[in-house]
Amino acid sequence: MSKRLPFILTYAVTVFFLATPVTGQVDSVEQLSYPPLPDIHVPQPTRVVLDNGMVVLLMEDHELPTVQVSARIRTGSRLEPADKVGLASLTGTVMRSGGTITHTGDQLDDYLESKAASVETGIGVASGSASMTCLSEDFSEMFTVFGDVLRNPRFDPGKLAIAKTRIIAGIARQNDDPDGILSREFSKLVYGKDSPYARVESYATVNNISRRDLIDWHAKYFVPNRIILGLVGDFQTEQALDLVKRTFEAWPQGKSFDDPIVPYQTSTTKNVYYVEKSDMTQAKIIIGHLGLTRKHPDYHPVVIINQIVSGSFGARLFSNVRSQKGLAYDVHGGIGFGWDYPATASFSMSTKTDTTQAGIDALLEEARKIMNAEPPTEEEVRKAKASLLNSFVFSVDSPGKILGKFLTYEYFGYPSDWLVRFRMGIEKATVDQVRKAARTHIKPDQFVFLIIGPRQGTAPALARYETVEELDISIPES
């Protein structure tokens, strides 16, 4: 019998109970009552640490004849030198596109295509990644290729030139998309323009990156004691672990060192900023400040706040700003969470230029309401908790999803029972805790206001403020 069958049975029972009210016939939906959610068993992956420090997580799943491999590497663009922004991204791209010492990138493309397999690599802000998918019958052969890409990238100069050209083309177009401008400039305002969490590539920083920089970055960070490897799929655990050892155990451990603390500003001052974009027919508005990490004691109450504010079509922002006031088609808001550094807290929307003023006021009003004027009601908290708990099952409905979560917990140093703690935290959160968290973590006196749009339409809204700082988003030539 498939080992995934217990998952399916558990979910079927859950859905049955959720769909079946305890009482008999009722006159309205408000009279429906439901039993407590059944316990959901979340299987634990097998965890092994190799002698060279590589952490390996394995989880069998025999439903399909496939294997998926994922690696998290302790690196990230936040560790780049300020004069070489783009180095991490280029390293992650050319590791795969440039091939290995034994296979060029084009040869590798053709070989993987012939096997209906894939190998991908990349580096984001806080981590690097490598992944592989293949048929289980090709697992041993493909895993050897995966190990070769991870350990022995060629960093082909021609592929590096292509990757650089693509980044430079992206820089040239970076002011075409209003949403991109909004996200980029808001990050600078919240984290500080010089923070690695707000830096973006420029022509100068990309042109300053050499092939030797990629080689050195790889040598420094791509070592087994900085890698967490996850395998899920149609294999036997002992055989898969033996393959991992044959592929990686002889890889020498890298030099141990602590990554530097990445700086960012911890508070903001209430100011108004403007970016002129004359080719827009709407205005983009965002207000907010620094958010939290998931390790904050108020994490679970704030998750509930976010659900009340913007978690569904019946949430406050959608009901009040979009439906009742008709000011926006898209409107969002909440307190963001990072894993090991704070995300941003924000309220944002698009609106017609002649309703820019009303849009700003509406966002600010909703922030003040949830914080103090109209705190979350018992009914809102109850519905938000029910929605979060009912949807929890879909975050653990496959071994692949579960393993991905365990990789994240391992990487960022979270307890292995974080999934269970999440559900318990939501269940136990009280109305008073949710209201207190809203008062504590939504801070209008620290809001930065950023408006993007044509000057003619947005000018009346901006004229209300004593000081408006216009941001220069022109692209430096070098």
Protein backbone atom coordinates (compact mmCIF):
# COMPACT_ATOMS: atom_id res chain seq x y z
CA MET A 1 0.00 0.00 0.00
CA SER A 2 1.25 3.46 -0.87
CA LYS A 3 2.83 5.21 2.09
CA ARG A 4 0.98 8.33 1.02
CA LEU A 5 -2.39 6.66 1.61
CA PRO A 6 -2.48 7.63 5.33
CA PHE A 7 -2.12 11.27 4.19
CA ILE A 8 -5.10 10.93 1.87
CA LEU A 9 -7.23 9.20 4.49
CA THR A 10 -6.40 11.85 7.06
CA TYR A 11 -7.37 14.65 4.70
CA ALA A 12 -10.57 12.86 3.67
CA VAL A 13 -11.58 12.55 7.30
CA THR A 14 -10.70 16.22 7.86
CA VAL A 15 -12.80 17.39 4.93
CA PHE A 16 -15.71 15.16 6.02
CA PHE A 17 -15.75 16.66 9.49
CA LEU A 18 -15.35 20.20 8.17
CA ALA A 19 -18.26 19.72 5.79
CA THR A 20 -20.59 18.02 8.28
CA PRO A 21 -22.19 20.19 10.98
CA VAL A 22 -22.68 18.78 14.45
CA THR A 23 -26.28 19.95 14.68
CA GLY A 24 -29.21 18.90 12.53
CA GLN A 25 -31.18 21.20 10.29
CA VAL A 26 -30.52 24.92 10.81
CA ASP A 27 -32.15 28.12 9.59
CA SER A 28 -28.99 30.09 8.70
CA VAL A 29 -25.30 29.53 8.10
CA GLU A 30 -24.47 31.32 11.35
CA GLN A 31 -26.11 28.49 13.28
CA LEU A 32 -23.77 25.87 11.88
CA SER A 33 -21.26 24.46 14.36
CA TYR A 34 -18.36 22.15 13.72
CA PRO A 35 -16.27 19.75 15.79
CA PRO A 36 -12.60 20.47 16.53
CA LEU A 37 -10.24 19.74 13.68
CA PRO A 38 -8.76 16.24 13.87
CA ASP A 39 -5.09 15.86 14.59
CA ILE A 40 -2.91 15.78 11.50
CA HIS A 41 0.15 13.58 11.64
CA VAL A 42 3.12 15.26 9.96
CA PRO A 43 5.81 12.67 9.20
CA GLN A 44 9.39 13.52 10.06
CA PRO A 45 12.15 13.08 7.49
CA THR A 46 15.16 10.94 8.28
CA ARG A 47 17.99 13.28 9.28
CA VAL A 48 21.66 12.36 8.85
CA VAL A 49 24.80 14.46 9.20
CA LEU A 50 27.76 13.33 7.10
CA ASP A 51 31.29 13.42 8.49
CA ASN A 52 32.04 16.52 6.39
CA GLY A 53 29.14 18.42 7.97
CA MET A 54 26.53 18.12 5.20
CA VAL A 55 23.03 17.72 6.63
CA VAL A 56 20.82 15.27 4.73
CA LEU A 57 17.03 14.96 5.04
CA LEU A 58 15.27 12.04 3.33
CA MET A 59 11.57 11.26 2.90
CA GLU A 60 10.16 8.40 0.85
CA ASP A 61 7.13 8.93 -1.40
CA HIS A 62 6.23 6.03 -3.69
CA GLU A 63 3.13 7.46 -5.31
CA LEU A 64 5.00 8.45 -8.50
CA PRO A 65 8.20 7.01 -10.01
CA THR A 66 10.13 10.23 -9.54
CA VAL A 67 12.76 11.69 -7.24
CA GLN A 68 13.23 15.33 -6.26
CA VAL A 69 16.42 16.68 -4.70
CA SER A 70 16.77 20.13 -3.15
CA ALA A 71 19.77 21.78 -1.55
CA ARG A 72 20.01 24.91 0.55
CA ILE A 73 23.41 26.59 0.61
CA ARG A 74 24.40 29.09 3.28
CA THR A 75 25.08 32.08 1.08
CA GLY A 76 23.04 34.92 -0.38
CA SER A 77 23.23 38.25 -2.15
CA ARG A 78 23.14 40.02 1.21
CA LEU A 79 26.78 38.93 1.61
CA GLU A 80 27.98 40.59 -1.61
CA PRO A 81 30.49 43.45 -1.59
CA ALA A 82 28.76 46.76 -2.29
CA ASP A 83 30.80 47.27 -5.46
CA LYS A 84 29.87 43.85 -6.88
CA VAL A 85 26.09 43.70 -6.46
CA GLY A 86 24.87 40.94 -8.79
CA LEU A 87 27.73 38.57 -7.99
CA ALA A 88 25.58 36.05 -6.13
CA SER A 89 22.92 35.98 -8.82
CA LEU A 90 25.49 35.52 -11.56
CA THR A 91 27.18 32.71 -9.64
CA GLY A 92 23.90 30.90 -9.17
CA THR A 93 22.99 31.26 -12.85
CA VAL A 94 26.31 30.35 -14.45
CA MET A 95 26.88 27.37 -12.14
CA ARG A 96 24.19 25.62 -14.16
CA SER A 97 24.26 27.36 -17.56
CA GLY A 98 28.06 27.13 -17.78
CA GLY A 99 28.20 23.37 -17.27
CA THR A 100 30.84 21.44 -15.35
CA ILE A 101 34.45 20.50 -15.87
CA THR A 102 33.32 17.34 -17.68
CA HIS A 103 30.26 18.66 -19.57
CA THR A 104 29.63 22.01 -21.20
CA GLY A 105 26.39 23.78 -20.43
CA ASP A 106 24.94 22.89 -23.84
CA GLN A 107 25.95 19.23 -23.46
CA LEU A 108 24.32 19.18 -20.06
CA ASP A 109 21.11 20.69 -21.49
CA ASP A 110 20.91 18.00 -24.17
CA TYR A 111 21.67 15.17 -21.77
CA LEU A 112 19.07 16.23 -19.21
CA GLU A 113 16.48 16.72 -21.92
CA SER A 114 17.07 13.17 -23.17
CA LYS A 115 16.38 11.89 -19.67
CA ALA A 116 13.34 14.12 -18.97
CA ALA A 117 15.31 15.42 -16.00
CA SER A 118 16.26 18.87 -14.73
CA VAL A 119 19.02 20.42 -12.66
CA GLU A 120 18.74 24.05 -11.59
CA THR A 121 20.78 26.39 -9.39
CA GLY A 122 20.29 29.91 -8.07
CA ILE A 123 21.13 32.31 -5.28
CA GLY A 124 18.63 34.63 -3.62
CA VAL A 125 18.88 37.23 -0.89
CA ALA A 126 19.35 34.87 2.06
CA SER A 127 20.27 31.49 0.58
CA GLY A 128 21.49 29.55 -2.40
CA SER A 129 19.61 26.67 -3.96
CA ALA A 130 20.17 23.68 -6.19
CA SER A 131 17.53 21.22 -7.33
CA MET A 132 17.11 18.08 -9.38
CA THR A 133 14.11 16.12 -10.65
CA CYS A 134 14.28 12.82 -12.49
CA LEU A 135 12.62 9.46 -12.97
CA SER A 136 13.42 7.04 -10.16
CA GLU A 137 15.00 4.62 -12.65
CA ASP A 138 17.57 7.33 -13.48
CA PHE A 139 18.11 8.48 -9.91
CA SER A 140 21.63 7.15 -9.43
CA GLU A 141 22.86 8.45 -12.77
CA MET A 142 21.22 11.87 -12.42
CA PHE A 143 22.37 12.34 -8.85
CA THR A 144 25.97 11.99 -10.01
CA VAL A 145 25.33 14.81 -12.49
CA PHE A 146 23.72 16.89 -9.75
CA GLY A 147 26.79 16.40 -7.57
CA ASP A 148 29.04 17.40 -10.44
CA VAL A 149 27.13 20.67 -10.96
CA LEU A 150 27.26 21.45 -7.26
CA ARG A 151 30.97 20.68 -6.84
CA ASN A 152 32.63 21.36 -10.19
CA PRO A 153 31.06 24.23 -12.12
CA ARG A 154 32.95 25.32 -15.22
CA PHE A 155 31.90 28.99 -15.05
CA ASP A 156 32.19 29.21 -18.82
CA PRO A 157 33.20 32.76 -19.86
CA GLY A 158 30.73 32.78 -22.76
CA LYS A 159 27.81 31.84 -20.53
CA LEU A 160 28.92 34.44 -18.00
CA ALA A 161 28.85 37.09 -20.73
CA ILE A 162 25.32 36.04 -21.70
CA ALA A 163 24.17 36.16 -18.06
CA LYS A 164 25.69 39.62 -17.62
CA THR A 165 23.95 40.86 -20.78
CA ARG A 166 20.61 39.69 -19.44
CA ILE A 167 21.11 41.47 -16.12
CA ILE A 168 22.21 44.66 -17.89
CA ALA A 169 19.11 44.47 -20.11
CA GLY A 170 17.02 44.15 -16.96
CA ILE A 171 18.67 47.22 -15.47
CA ALA A 172 17.81 49.19 -18.59
CA ARG A 173 14.14 48.21 -18.17
CA GLN A 174 13.94 48.51 -14.39
CA ASN A 175 11.80 51.66 -14.50
CA ASP A 176 9.25 50.27 -16.95
CA ASP A 177 7.20 48.44 -14.32
CA PRO A 178 5.54 50.60 -11.63
CA ASP A 179 5.26 47.64 -9.26
CA GLY A 180 8.98 47.02 -9.58
CA ILE A 181 9.72 50.65 -8.79
CA LEU A 182 7.36 50.56 -5.80
CA SER A 183 8.97 47.46 -4.32
CA ARG A 184 12.53 48.61 -4.97
CA GLU A 185 12.19 52.13 -3.63
CA PHE A 186 10.06 51.12 -0.64
CA SER A 187 12.75 48.63 0.40
CA LYS A 188 15.34 51.42 0.28
CA LEU A 189 13.14 53.65 2.44
CA VAL A 190 12.47 50.95 5.02
CA TYR A 191 15.82 49.13 5.24
CA GLY A 192 18.03 52.09 4.33
CA LYS A 193 19.38 52.74 0.84
CA ASP A 194 22.79 51.25 1.68
CA SER A 195 21.46 48.09 3.32
CA PRO A 196 22.17 44.84 1.43
CA TYR A 197 18.44 44.14 1.72
CA ALA A 198 17.73 47.14 -0.48
CA ARG A 199 20.64 47.16 -2.93
CA VAL A 200 20.07 46.49 -6.63
CA GLU A 201 22.43 45.80 -9.50
CA SER A 202 23.81 48.67 -11.54
CA TYR A 203 25.83 48.78 -14.73
CA ALA A 204 28.93 49.56 -12.68
CA THR A 205 28.58 46.72 -10.18
CA VAL A 206 27.83 44.12 -12.86
CA ASN A 207 30.69 45.26 -15.07
CA ASN A 208 32.94 45.03 -12.01
CA ILE A 209 32.35 41.26 -11.66
CA SER A 210 34.87 38.85 -13.18
CA ARG A 211 34.90 35.09 -13.70
CA ARG A 212 37.43 34.87 -10.86
CA ASP A 213 34.86 36.47 -8.53
CA LEU A 214 32.40 33.66 -9.33
CA ILE A 215 35.04 31.00 -8.75
CA ASP A 216 36.01 32.52 -5.42
CA TRP A 217 32.38 32.92 -4.30
CA HIS A 218 31.67 29.29 -5.11
CA ALA A 219 34.81 28.09 -3.33
CA LYS A 220 33.94 30.07 -0.21
CA TYR A 221 30.27 29.17 0.20
CA PHE A 222 29.64 25.95 -1.72
CA VAL A 223 31.18 23.54 0.75
CA PRO A 224 29.48 20.54 2.38
CA ASN A 225 29.31 22.00 5.88
CA ARG A 226 27.22 24.88 4.49
CA ILE A 227 24.77 22.66 2.61
CA ILE A 228 21.48 21.08 3.67
CA LEU A 229 20.37 18.41 1.21
CA GLY A 230 16.82 17.12 0.94
CA LEU A 231 15.59 14.09 -1.02
CA VAL A 232 11.98 13.05 -1.53
CA GLY A 233 10.50 10.46 -3.83
CA ASP A 234 10.48 6.88 -5.00
CA PHE A 235 13.57 5.42 -3.32
CA GLN A 236 14.59 3.29 -0.37
CA THR A 237 16.10 5.47 2.34
CA GLU A 238 19.17 3.34 3.02
CA GLN A 239 20.02 3.03 -0.67
CA ALA A 240 19.51 6.76 -1.25
CA LEU A 241 21.69 7.61 1.73
CA ASP A 242 24.40 5.32 0.41
CA LEU A 243 24.25 7.19 -2.93
CA VAL A 244 24.54 10.54 -1.13
CA LYS A 245 27.59 9.31 0.75
CA ARG A 246 29.27 7.98 -2.38
CA THR A 247 28.67 11.31 -4.13
CA PHE A 248 29.48 13.79 -1.36
CA GLU A 249 31.23 12.21 1.62
CA ALA A 250 34.71 12.60 0.11
CA TRP A 251 34.07 16.33 -0.46
CA PRO A 252 36.39 18.09 2.02
CA GLN A 253 34.82 20.27 4.65
CA GLY A 254 35.22 23.97 4.00
CA LYS A 255 36.67 26.57 6.29
CA SER A 256 34.29 27.37 9.13
CA PHE A 257 33.42 31.04 9.66
CA ASP A 258 30.55 33.20 10.85
CA ASP A 259 28.77 35.28 8.27
CA PRO A 260 28.80 39.03 9.01
CA ILE A 261 25.72 40.66 10.50
CA VAL A 262 23.81 42.31 7.68
CA PRO A 263 22.86 45.91 8.56
CA TYR A 264 19.46 47.55 8.15
CA GLN A 265 17.78 50.50 9.85
CA THR A 266 15.45 49.45 12.67
CA SER A 267 12.97 52.34 12.50
CA THR A 268 11.70 54.94 10.08
CA THR A 269 10.44 58.49 10.34
CA LYS A 270 7.08 59.52 8.96
CA ASN A 271 7.87 61.10 5.60
CA VAL A 272 6.26 61.37 2.18
CA TYR A 273 8.12 60.37 -0.99
CA TYR A 274 7.15 60.68 -4.62
CA VAL A 275 8.30 59.15 -7.89
CA GLU A 276 7.10 60.78 -11.10
CA LYS A 277 6.09 58.36 -13.82
CA SER A 278 4.24 60.22 -16.52
CA ASP A 279 3.23 57.21 -18.62
CA MET A 280 0.93 55.85 -15.89
CA THR A 281 -2.85 56.23 -15.85
CA GLN A 282 -3.10 55.27 -12.17
CA ALA A 283 -1.24 56.02 -8.97
CA LYS A 284 0.58 53.41 -6.92
CA ILE A 285 0.54 53.97 -3.15
CA ILE A 286 2.33 52.16 -0.36
CA ILE A 287 2.64 53.11 3.30
CA GLY A 288 4.46 51.20 6.00
CA HIS A 289 7.59 50.42 7.98
CA LEU A 290 9.76 47.49 9.09
CA GLY A 291 8.01 44.21 9.85
CA LEU A 292 8.95 41.20 11.98
CA THR A 293 10.57 37.78 11.89
CA ARG A 294 8.72 34.53 12.51
CA LYS A 295 10.60 34.09 15.78
CA HIS A 296 8.84 37.09 17.32
CA PRO A 297 6.64 36.12 20.30
CA ASP A 298 3.64 37.81 18.64
CA TYR A 299 3.99 35.84 15.41
CA HIS A 300 0.73 33.89 15.70
CA PRO A 301 -1.48 36.83 16.73
CA VAL A 302 -0.03 38.88 13.87
CA VAL A 303 -0.74 36.10 11.38
CA ILE A 304 -4.37 36.39 12.48
CA ILE A 305 -4.24 40.19 12.04
CA ASN A 306 -3.00 39.73 8.48
CA GLN A 307 -5.85 37.37 7.74
CA ILE A 308 -8.37 39.91 9.05
CA VAL A 309 -6.79 42.78 7.10
CA SER A 310 -6.13 41.17 3.74
CA GLY A 311 -6.48 37.41 3.88
CA SER A 312 -9.62 36.94 1.82
CA PHE A 313 -12.16 38.75 -0.33
CA GLY A 314 -14.15 39.37 2.83
CA ALA A 315 -11.19 40.94 4.65
CA ARG A 316 -11.23 44.57 5.76
CA LEU A 317 -9.18 46.07 2.94
CA PHE A 318 -11.16 44.35 0.21
CA SER A 319 -14.52 45.09 1.84
CA ASN A 320 -13.88 48.68 2.83
CA VAL A 321 -11.41 50.11 0.33
CA ARG A 322 -12.30 48.16 -2.80
CA SER A 323 -15.96 47.17 -2.46
CA GLN A 324 -17.52 49.93 -0.37
CA LYS A 325 -15.41 52.92 -1.39
CA GLY A 326 -14.59 51.73 -4.89
CA LEU A 327 -11.08 53.16 -4.71
CA ALA A 328 -9.03 50.23 -5.92
CA TYR A 329 -9.14 46.95 -7.77
CA ASP A 330 -6.05 45.61 -6.02
CA VAL A 331 -5.38 46.46 -2.38
CA HIS A 332 -3.15 44.61 0.05
CA GLY A 333 -1.83 44.99 3.56
CA GLY A 334 -0.28 43.29 6.53
CA ILE A 335 2.80 42.80 8.65
CA GLY A 336 5.39 40.76 6.77
CA PHE A 337 7.64 38.12 8.33
CA GLY A 338 11.16 37.13 7.39
CA TRP A 339 12.86 33.96 8.55
CA ASP A 340 16.00 35.55 9.98
CA TYR A 341 15.51 39.24 9.26
CA PRO A 342 12.37 41.40 9.33
CA ALA A 343 10.24 41.71 6.25
CA THR A 344 8.23 44.90 5.67
CA ALA A 345 4.84 45.91 7.05
CA SER A 346 2.76 47.77 4.49
CA PHE A 347 -0.62 48.79 3.09
CA SER A 348 -0.69 49.30 -0.67
CA MET A 349 -3.05 49.89 -3.57
CA SER A 350 -3.49 51.13 -7.12
CA THR A 351 -6.07 53.85 -7.69
CA LYS A 352 -7.12 56.41 -10.27
CA THR A 353 -4.92 59.48 -10.19
CA ASP A 354 -7.81 61.72 -9.18
CA THR A 355 -8.49 59.51 -6.14
CA THR A 356 -4.89 59.46 -4.95
CA GLN A 357 -5.76 61.56 -1.91
CA ALA A 358 -8.74 59.41 -1.03
CA GLY A 359 -6.62 56.27 -1.49
CA ILE A 360 -3.91 57.45 0.89
CA ASP A 361 -6.54 58.41 3.45
CA ALA A 362 -8.31 55.07 3.10
CA LEU A 363 -5.14 53.04 3.68
CA LEU A 364 -4.18 55.15 6.68
CA GLU A 365 -7.71 54.88 8.06
CA GLU A 366 -7.66 51.08 7.84
CA ALA A 367 -4.28 50.93 9.57
CA ARG A 368 -5.54 53.10 12.42
CA LYS A 369 -8.78 51.17 12.68
CA ILE A 370 -7.15 47.77 13.10
CA MET A 371 -4.62 49.26 15.49
CA ASN A 372 -6.97 51.14 17.81
CA ALA A 373 -10.17 52.75 16.52
CA GLU A 374 -11.88 49.52 15.51
CA PRO A 375 -9.77 46.65 16.88
CA PRO A 376 -10.40 43.08 15.70
CA THR A 377 -13.74 41.76 16.88
CA GLU A 378 -14.29 38.35 18.41
CA GLU A 379 -16.11 37.28 15.25
CA GLU A 380 -13.26 38.44 13.00
CA VAL A 381 -10.71 36.59 15.11
CA ARG A 382 -12.84 33.45 15.13
CA LYS A 383 -13.28 33.47 11.36
CA ALA A 384 -9.60 34.24 10.73
CA LYS A 385 -8.49 31.39 12.98
CA ALA A 386 -10.92 28.99 11.32
CA SER A 387 -9.69 29.97 7.87
CA LEU A 388 -6.04 29.55 8.81
CA LEU A 389 -6.60 26.21 10.53
CA ASN A 390 -8.83 24.85 7.77
CA SER A 391 -6.25 25.73 5.12
CA PHE A 392 -3.37 24.32 7.17
CA VAL A 393 -3.93 20.85 5.74
CA PHE A 394 -3.10 22.09 2.24
CA SER A 395 0.37 23.16 3.35
CA VAL A 396 1.24 19.56 4.29
CA ASP A 397 -0.68 17.58 1.68
CA SER A 398 2.38 16.03 0.04
CA PRO A 399 5.75 14.73 1.22
CA GLY A 400 7.43 17.22 -1.12
CA LYS A 401 5.81 20.19 0.60
CA ILE A 402 6.63 18.78 4.02
CA LEU A 403 10.28 18.19 3.16
CA GLY A 404 10.56 21.71 1.76
CA LYS A 405 9.37 23.10 5.08
CA PHE A 406 11.84 20.99 7.04
CA LEU A 407 14.66 22.21 4.82
CA THR A 408 13.67 25.78 5.61
CA TYR A 409 13.46 25.11 9.36
CA GLU A 410 16.86 23.42 9.33
CA TYR A 411 18.43 26.24 7.34
CA PHE A 412 17.17 29.08 9.52
CA GLY A 413 17.49 27.28 12.85
CA TYR A 414 13.81 26.73 13.65
CA PRO A 415 12.62 23.77 15.73
CA SER A 416 11.64 20.68 13.78
CA ASP A 417 8.12 20.80 15.26
CA TRP A 418 7.49 24.33 13.93
CA LEU A 419 4.51 23.09 11.91
CA VAL A 420 2.85 21.71 15.02
CA ARG A 421 3.69 24.87 16.94
CA PHE A 422 2.12 26.98 14.20
CA ARG A 423 -1.21 25.22 14.44
CA MET A 424 -1.17 25.28 18.25
CA GLY A 425 -0.20 28.96 18.26
CA ILE A 426 -3.13 29.90 16.04
CA GLU A 427 -5.55 27.81 18.10
CA LYS A 428 -4.42 29.32 21.42
CA ALA A 429 -4.22 32.98 20.35
CA THR A 430 -6.83 35.08 22.16
CA VAL A 431 -8.74 38.14 21.03
CA ASP A 432 -6.85 40.26 23.58
CA GLN A 433 -3.51 39.02 22.23
CA VAL A 434 -4.54 39.85 18.66
CA ARG A 435 -5.68 43.35 19.64
CA LYS A 436 -2.51 44.00 21.62
CA ALA A 437 -0.35 42.82 18.71
CA ALA A 438 -2.18 45.21 16.38
CA ARG A 439 -1.57 48.14 18.74
CA THR A 440 2.07 47.16 19.13
CA HIS A 441 3.18 46.38 15.59
CA ILE A 442 1.26 48.84 13.42
CA LYS A 443 2.96 52.21 13.89
CA PRO A 444 1.50 55.08 11.85
CA ASP A 445 4.03 57.48 13.39
CA GLN A 446 6.76 55.50 11.58
CA PHE A 447 4.96 55.10 8.25
CA VAL A 448 6.82 56.13 5.15
CA PHE A 449 4.49 57.13 2.30
CA LEU A 450 5.52 56.40 -1.27
CA ILE A 451 3.39 57.52 -4.22
CA ILE A 452 4.17 56.78 -7.86
CA GLY A 453 2.29 58.32 -10.74
CA PRO A 454 1.95 61.23 -13.19
CA ARG A 455 2.53 64.62 -11.63
CA GLN A 456 -0.64 66.20 -12.99
CA GLY A 457 -2.97 63.66 -11.38
CA THR A 458 -1.17 63.19 -8.07
CA ALA A 459 -0.20 66.81 -7.38
CA PRO A 460 -3.36 67.74 -5.39
CA ALA A 461 -2.81 64.83 -2.99
CA LEU A 462 0.87 65.64 -2.51
CA ALA A 463 0.13 69.36 -1.96
CA ARG A 464 -1.40 68.52 1.41
CA TYR A 465 1.99 67.62 2.86
CA GLU A 466 4.44 70.21 4.08
CA THR A 467 7.40 68.26 2.73
CA VAL A 468 7.48 65.76 -0.13
CA GLU A 469 10.80 64.30 -1.20
CA GLU A 470 10.97 63.41 -4.87
CA LEU A 471 13.10 60.34 -5.48
CA ASP A 472 15.56 60.19 -8.35
CA ILE A 473 15.17 56.81 -10.05
CA SER A 474 17.27 57.63 -13.10
CA ILE A 475 19.66 54.85 -14.09
CA PRO A 476 23.36 55.77 -13.76
CA GLU A 477 25.27 55.13 -16.96
CA SER A 478 28.28 53.73 -15.14
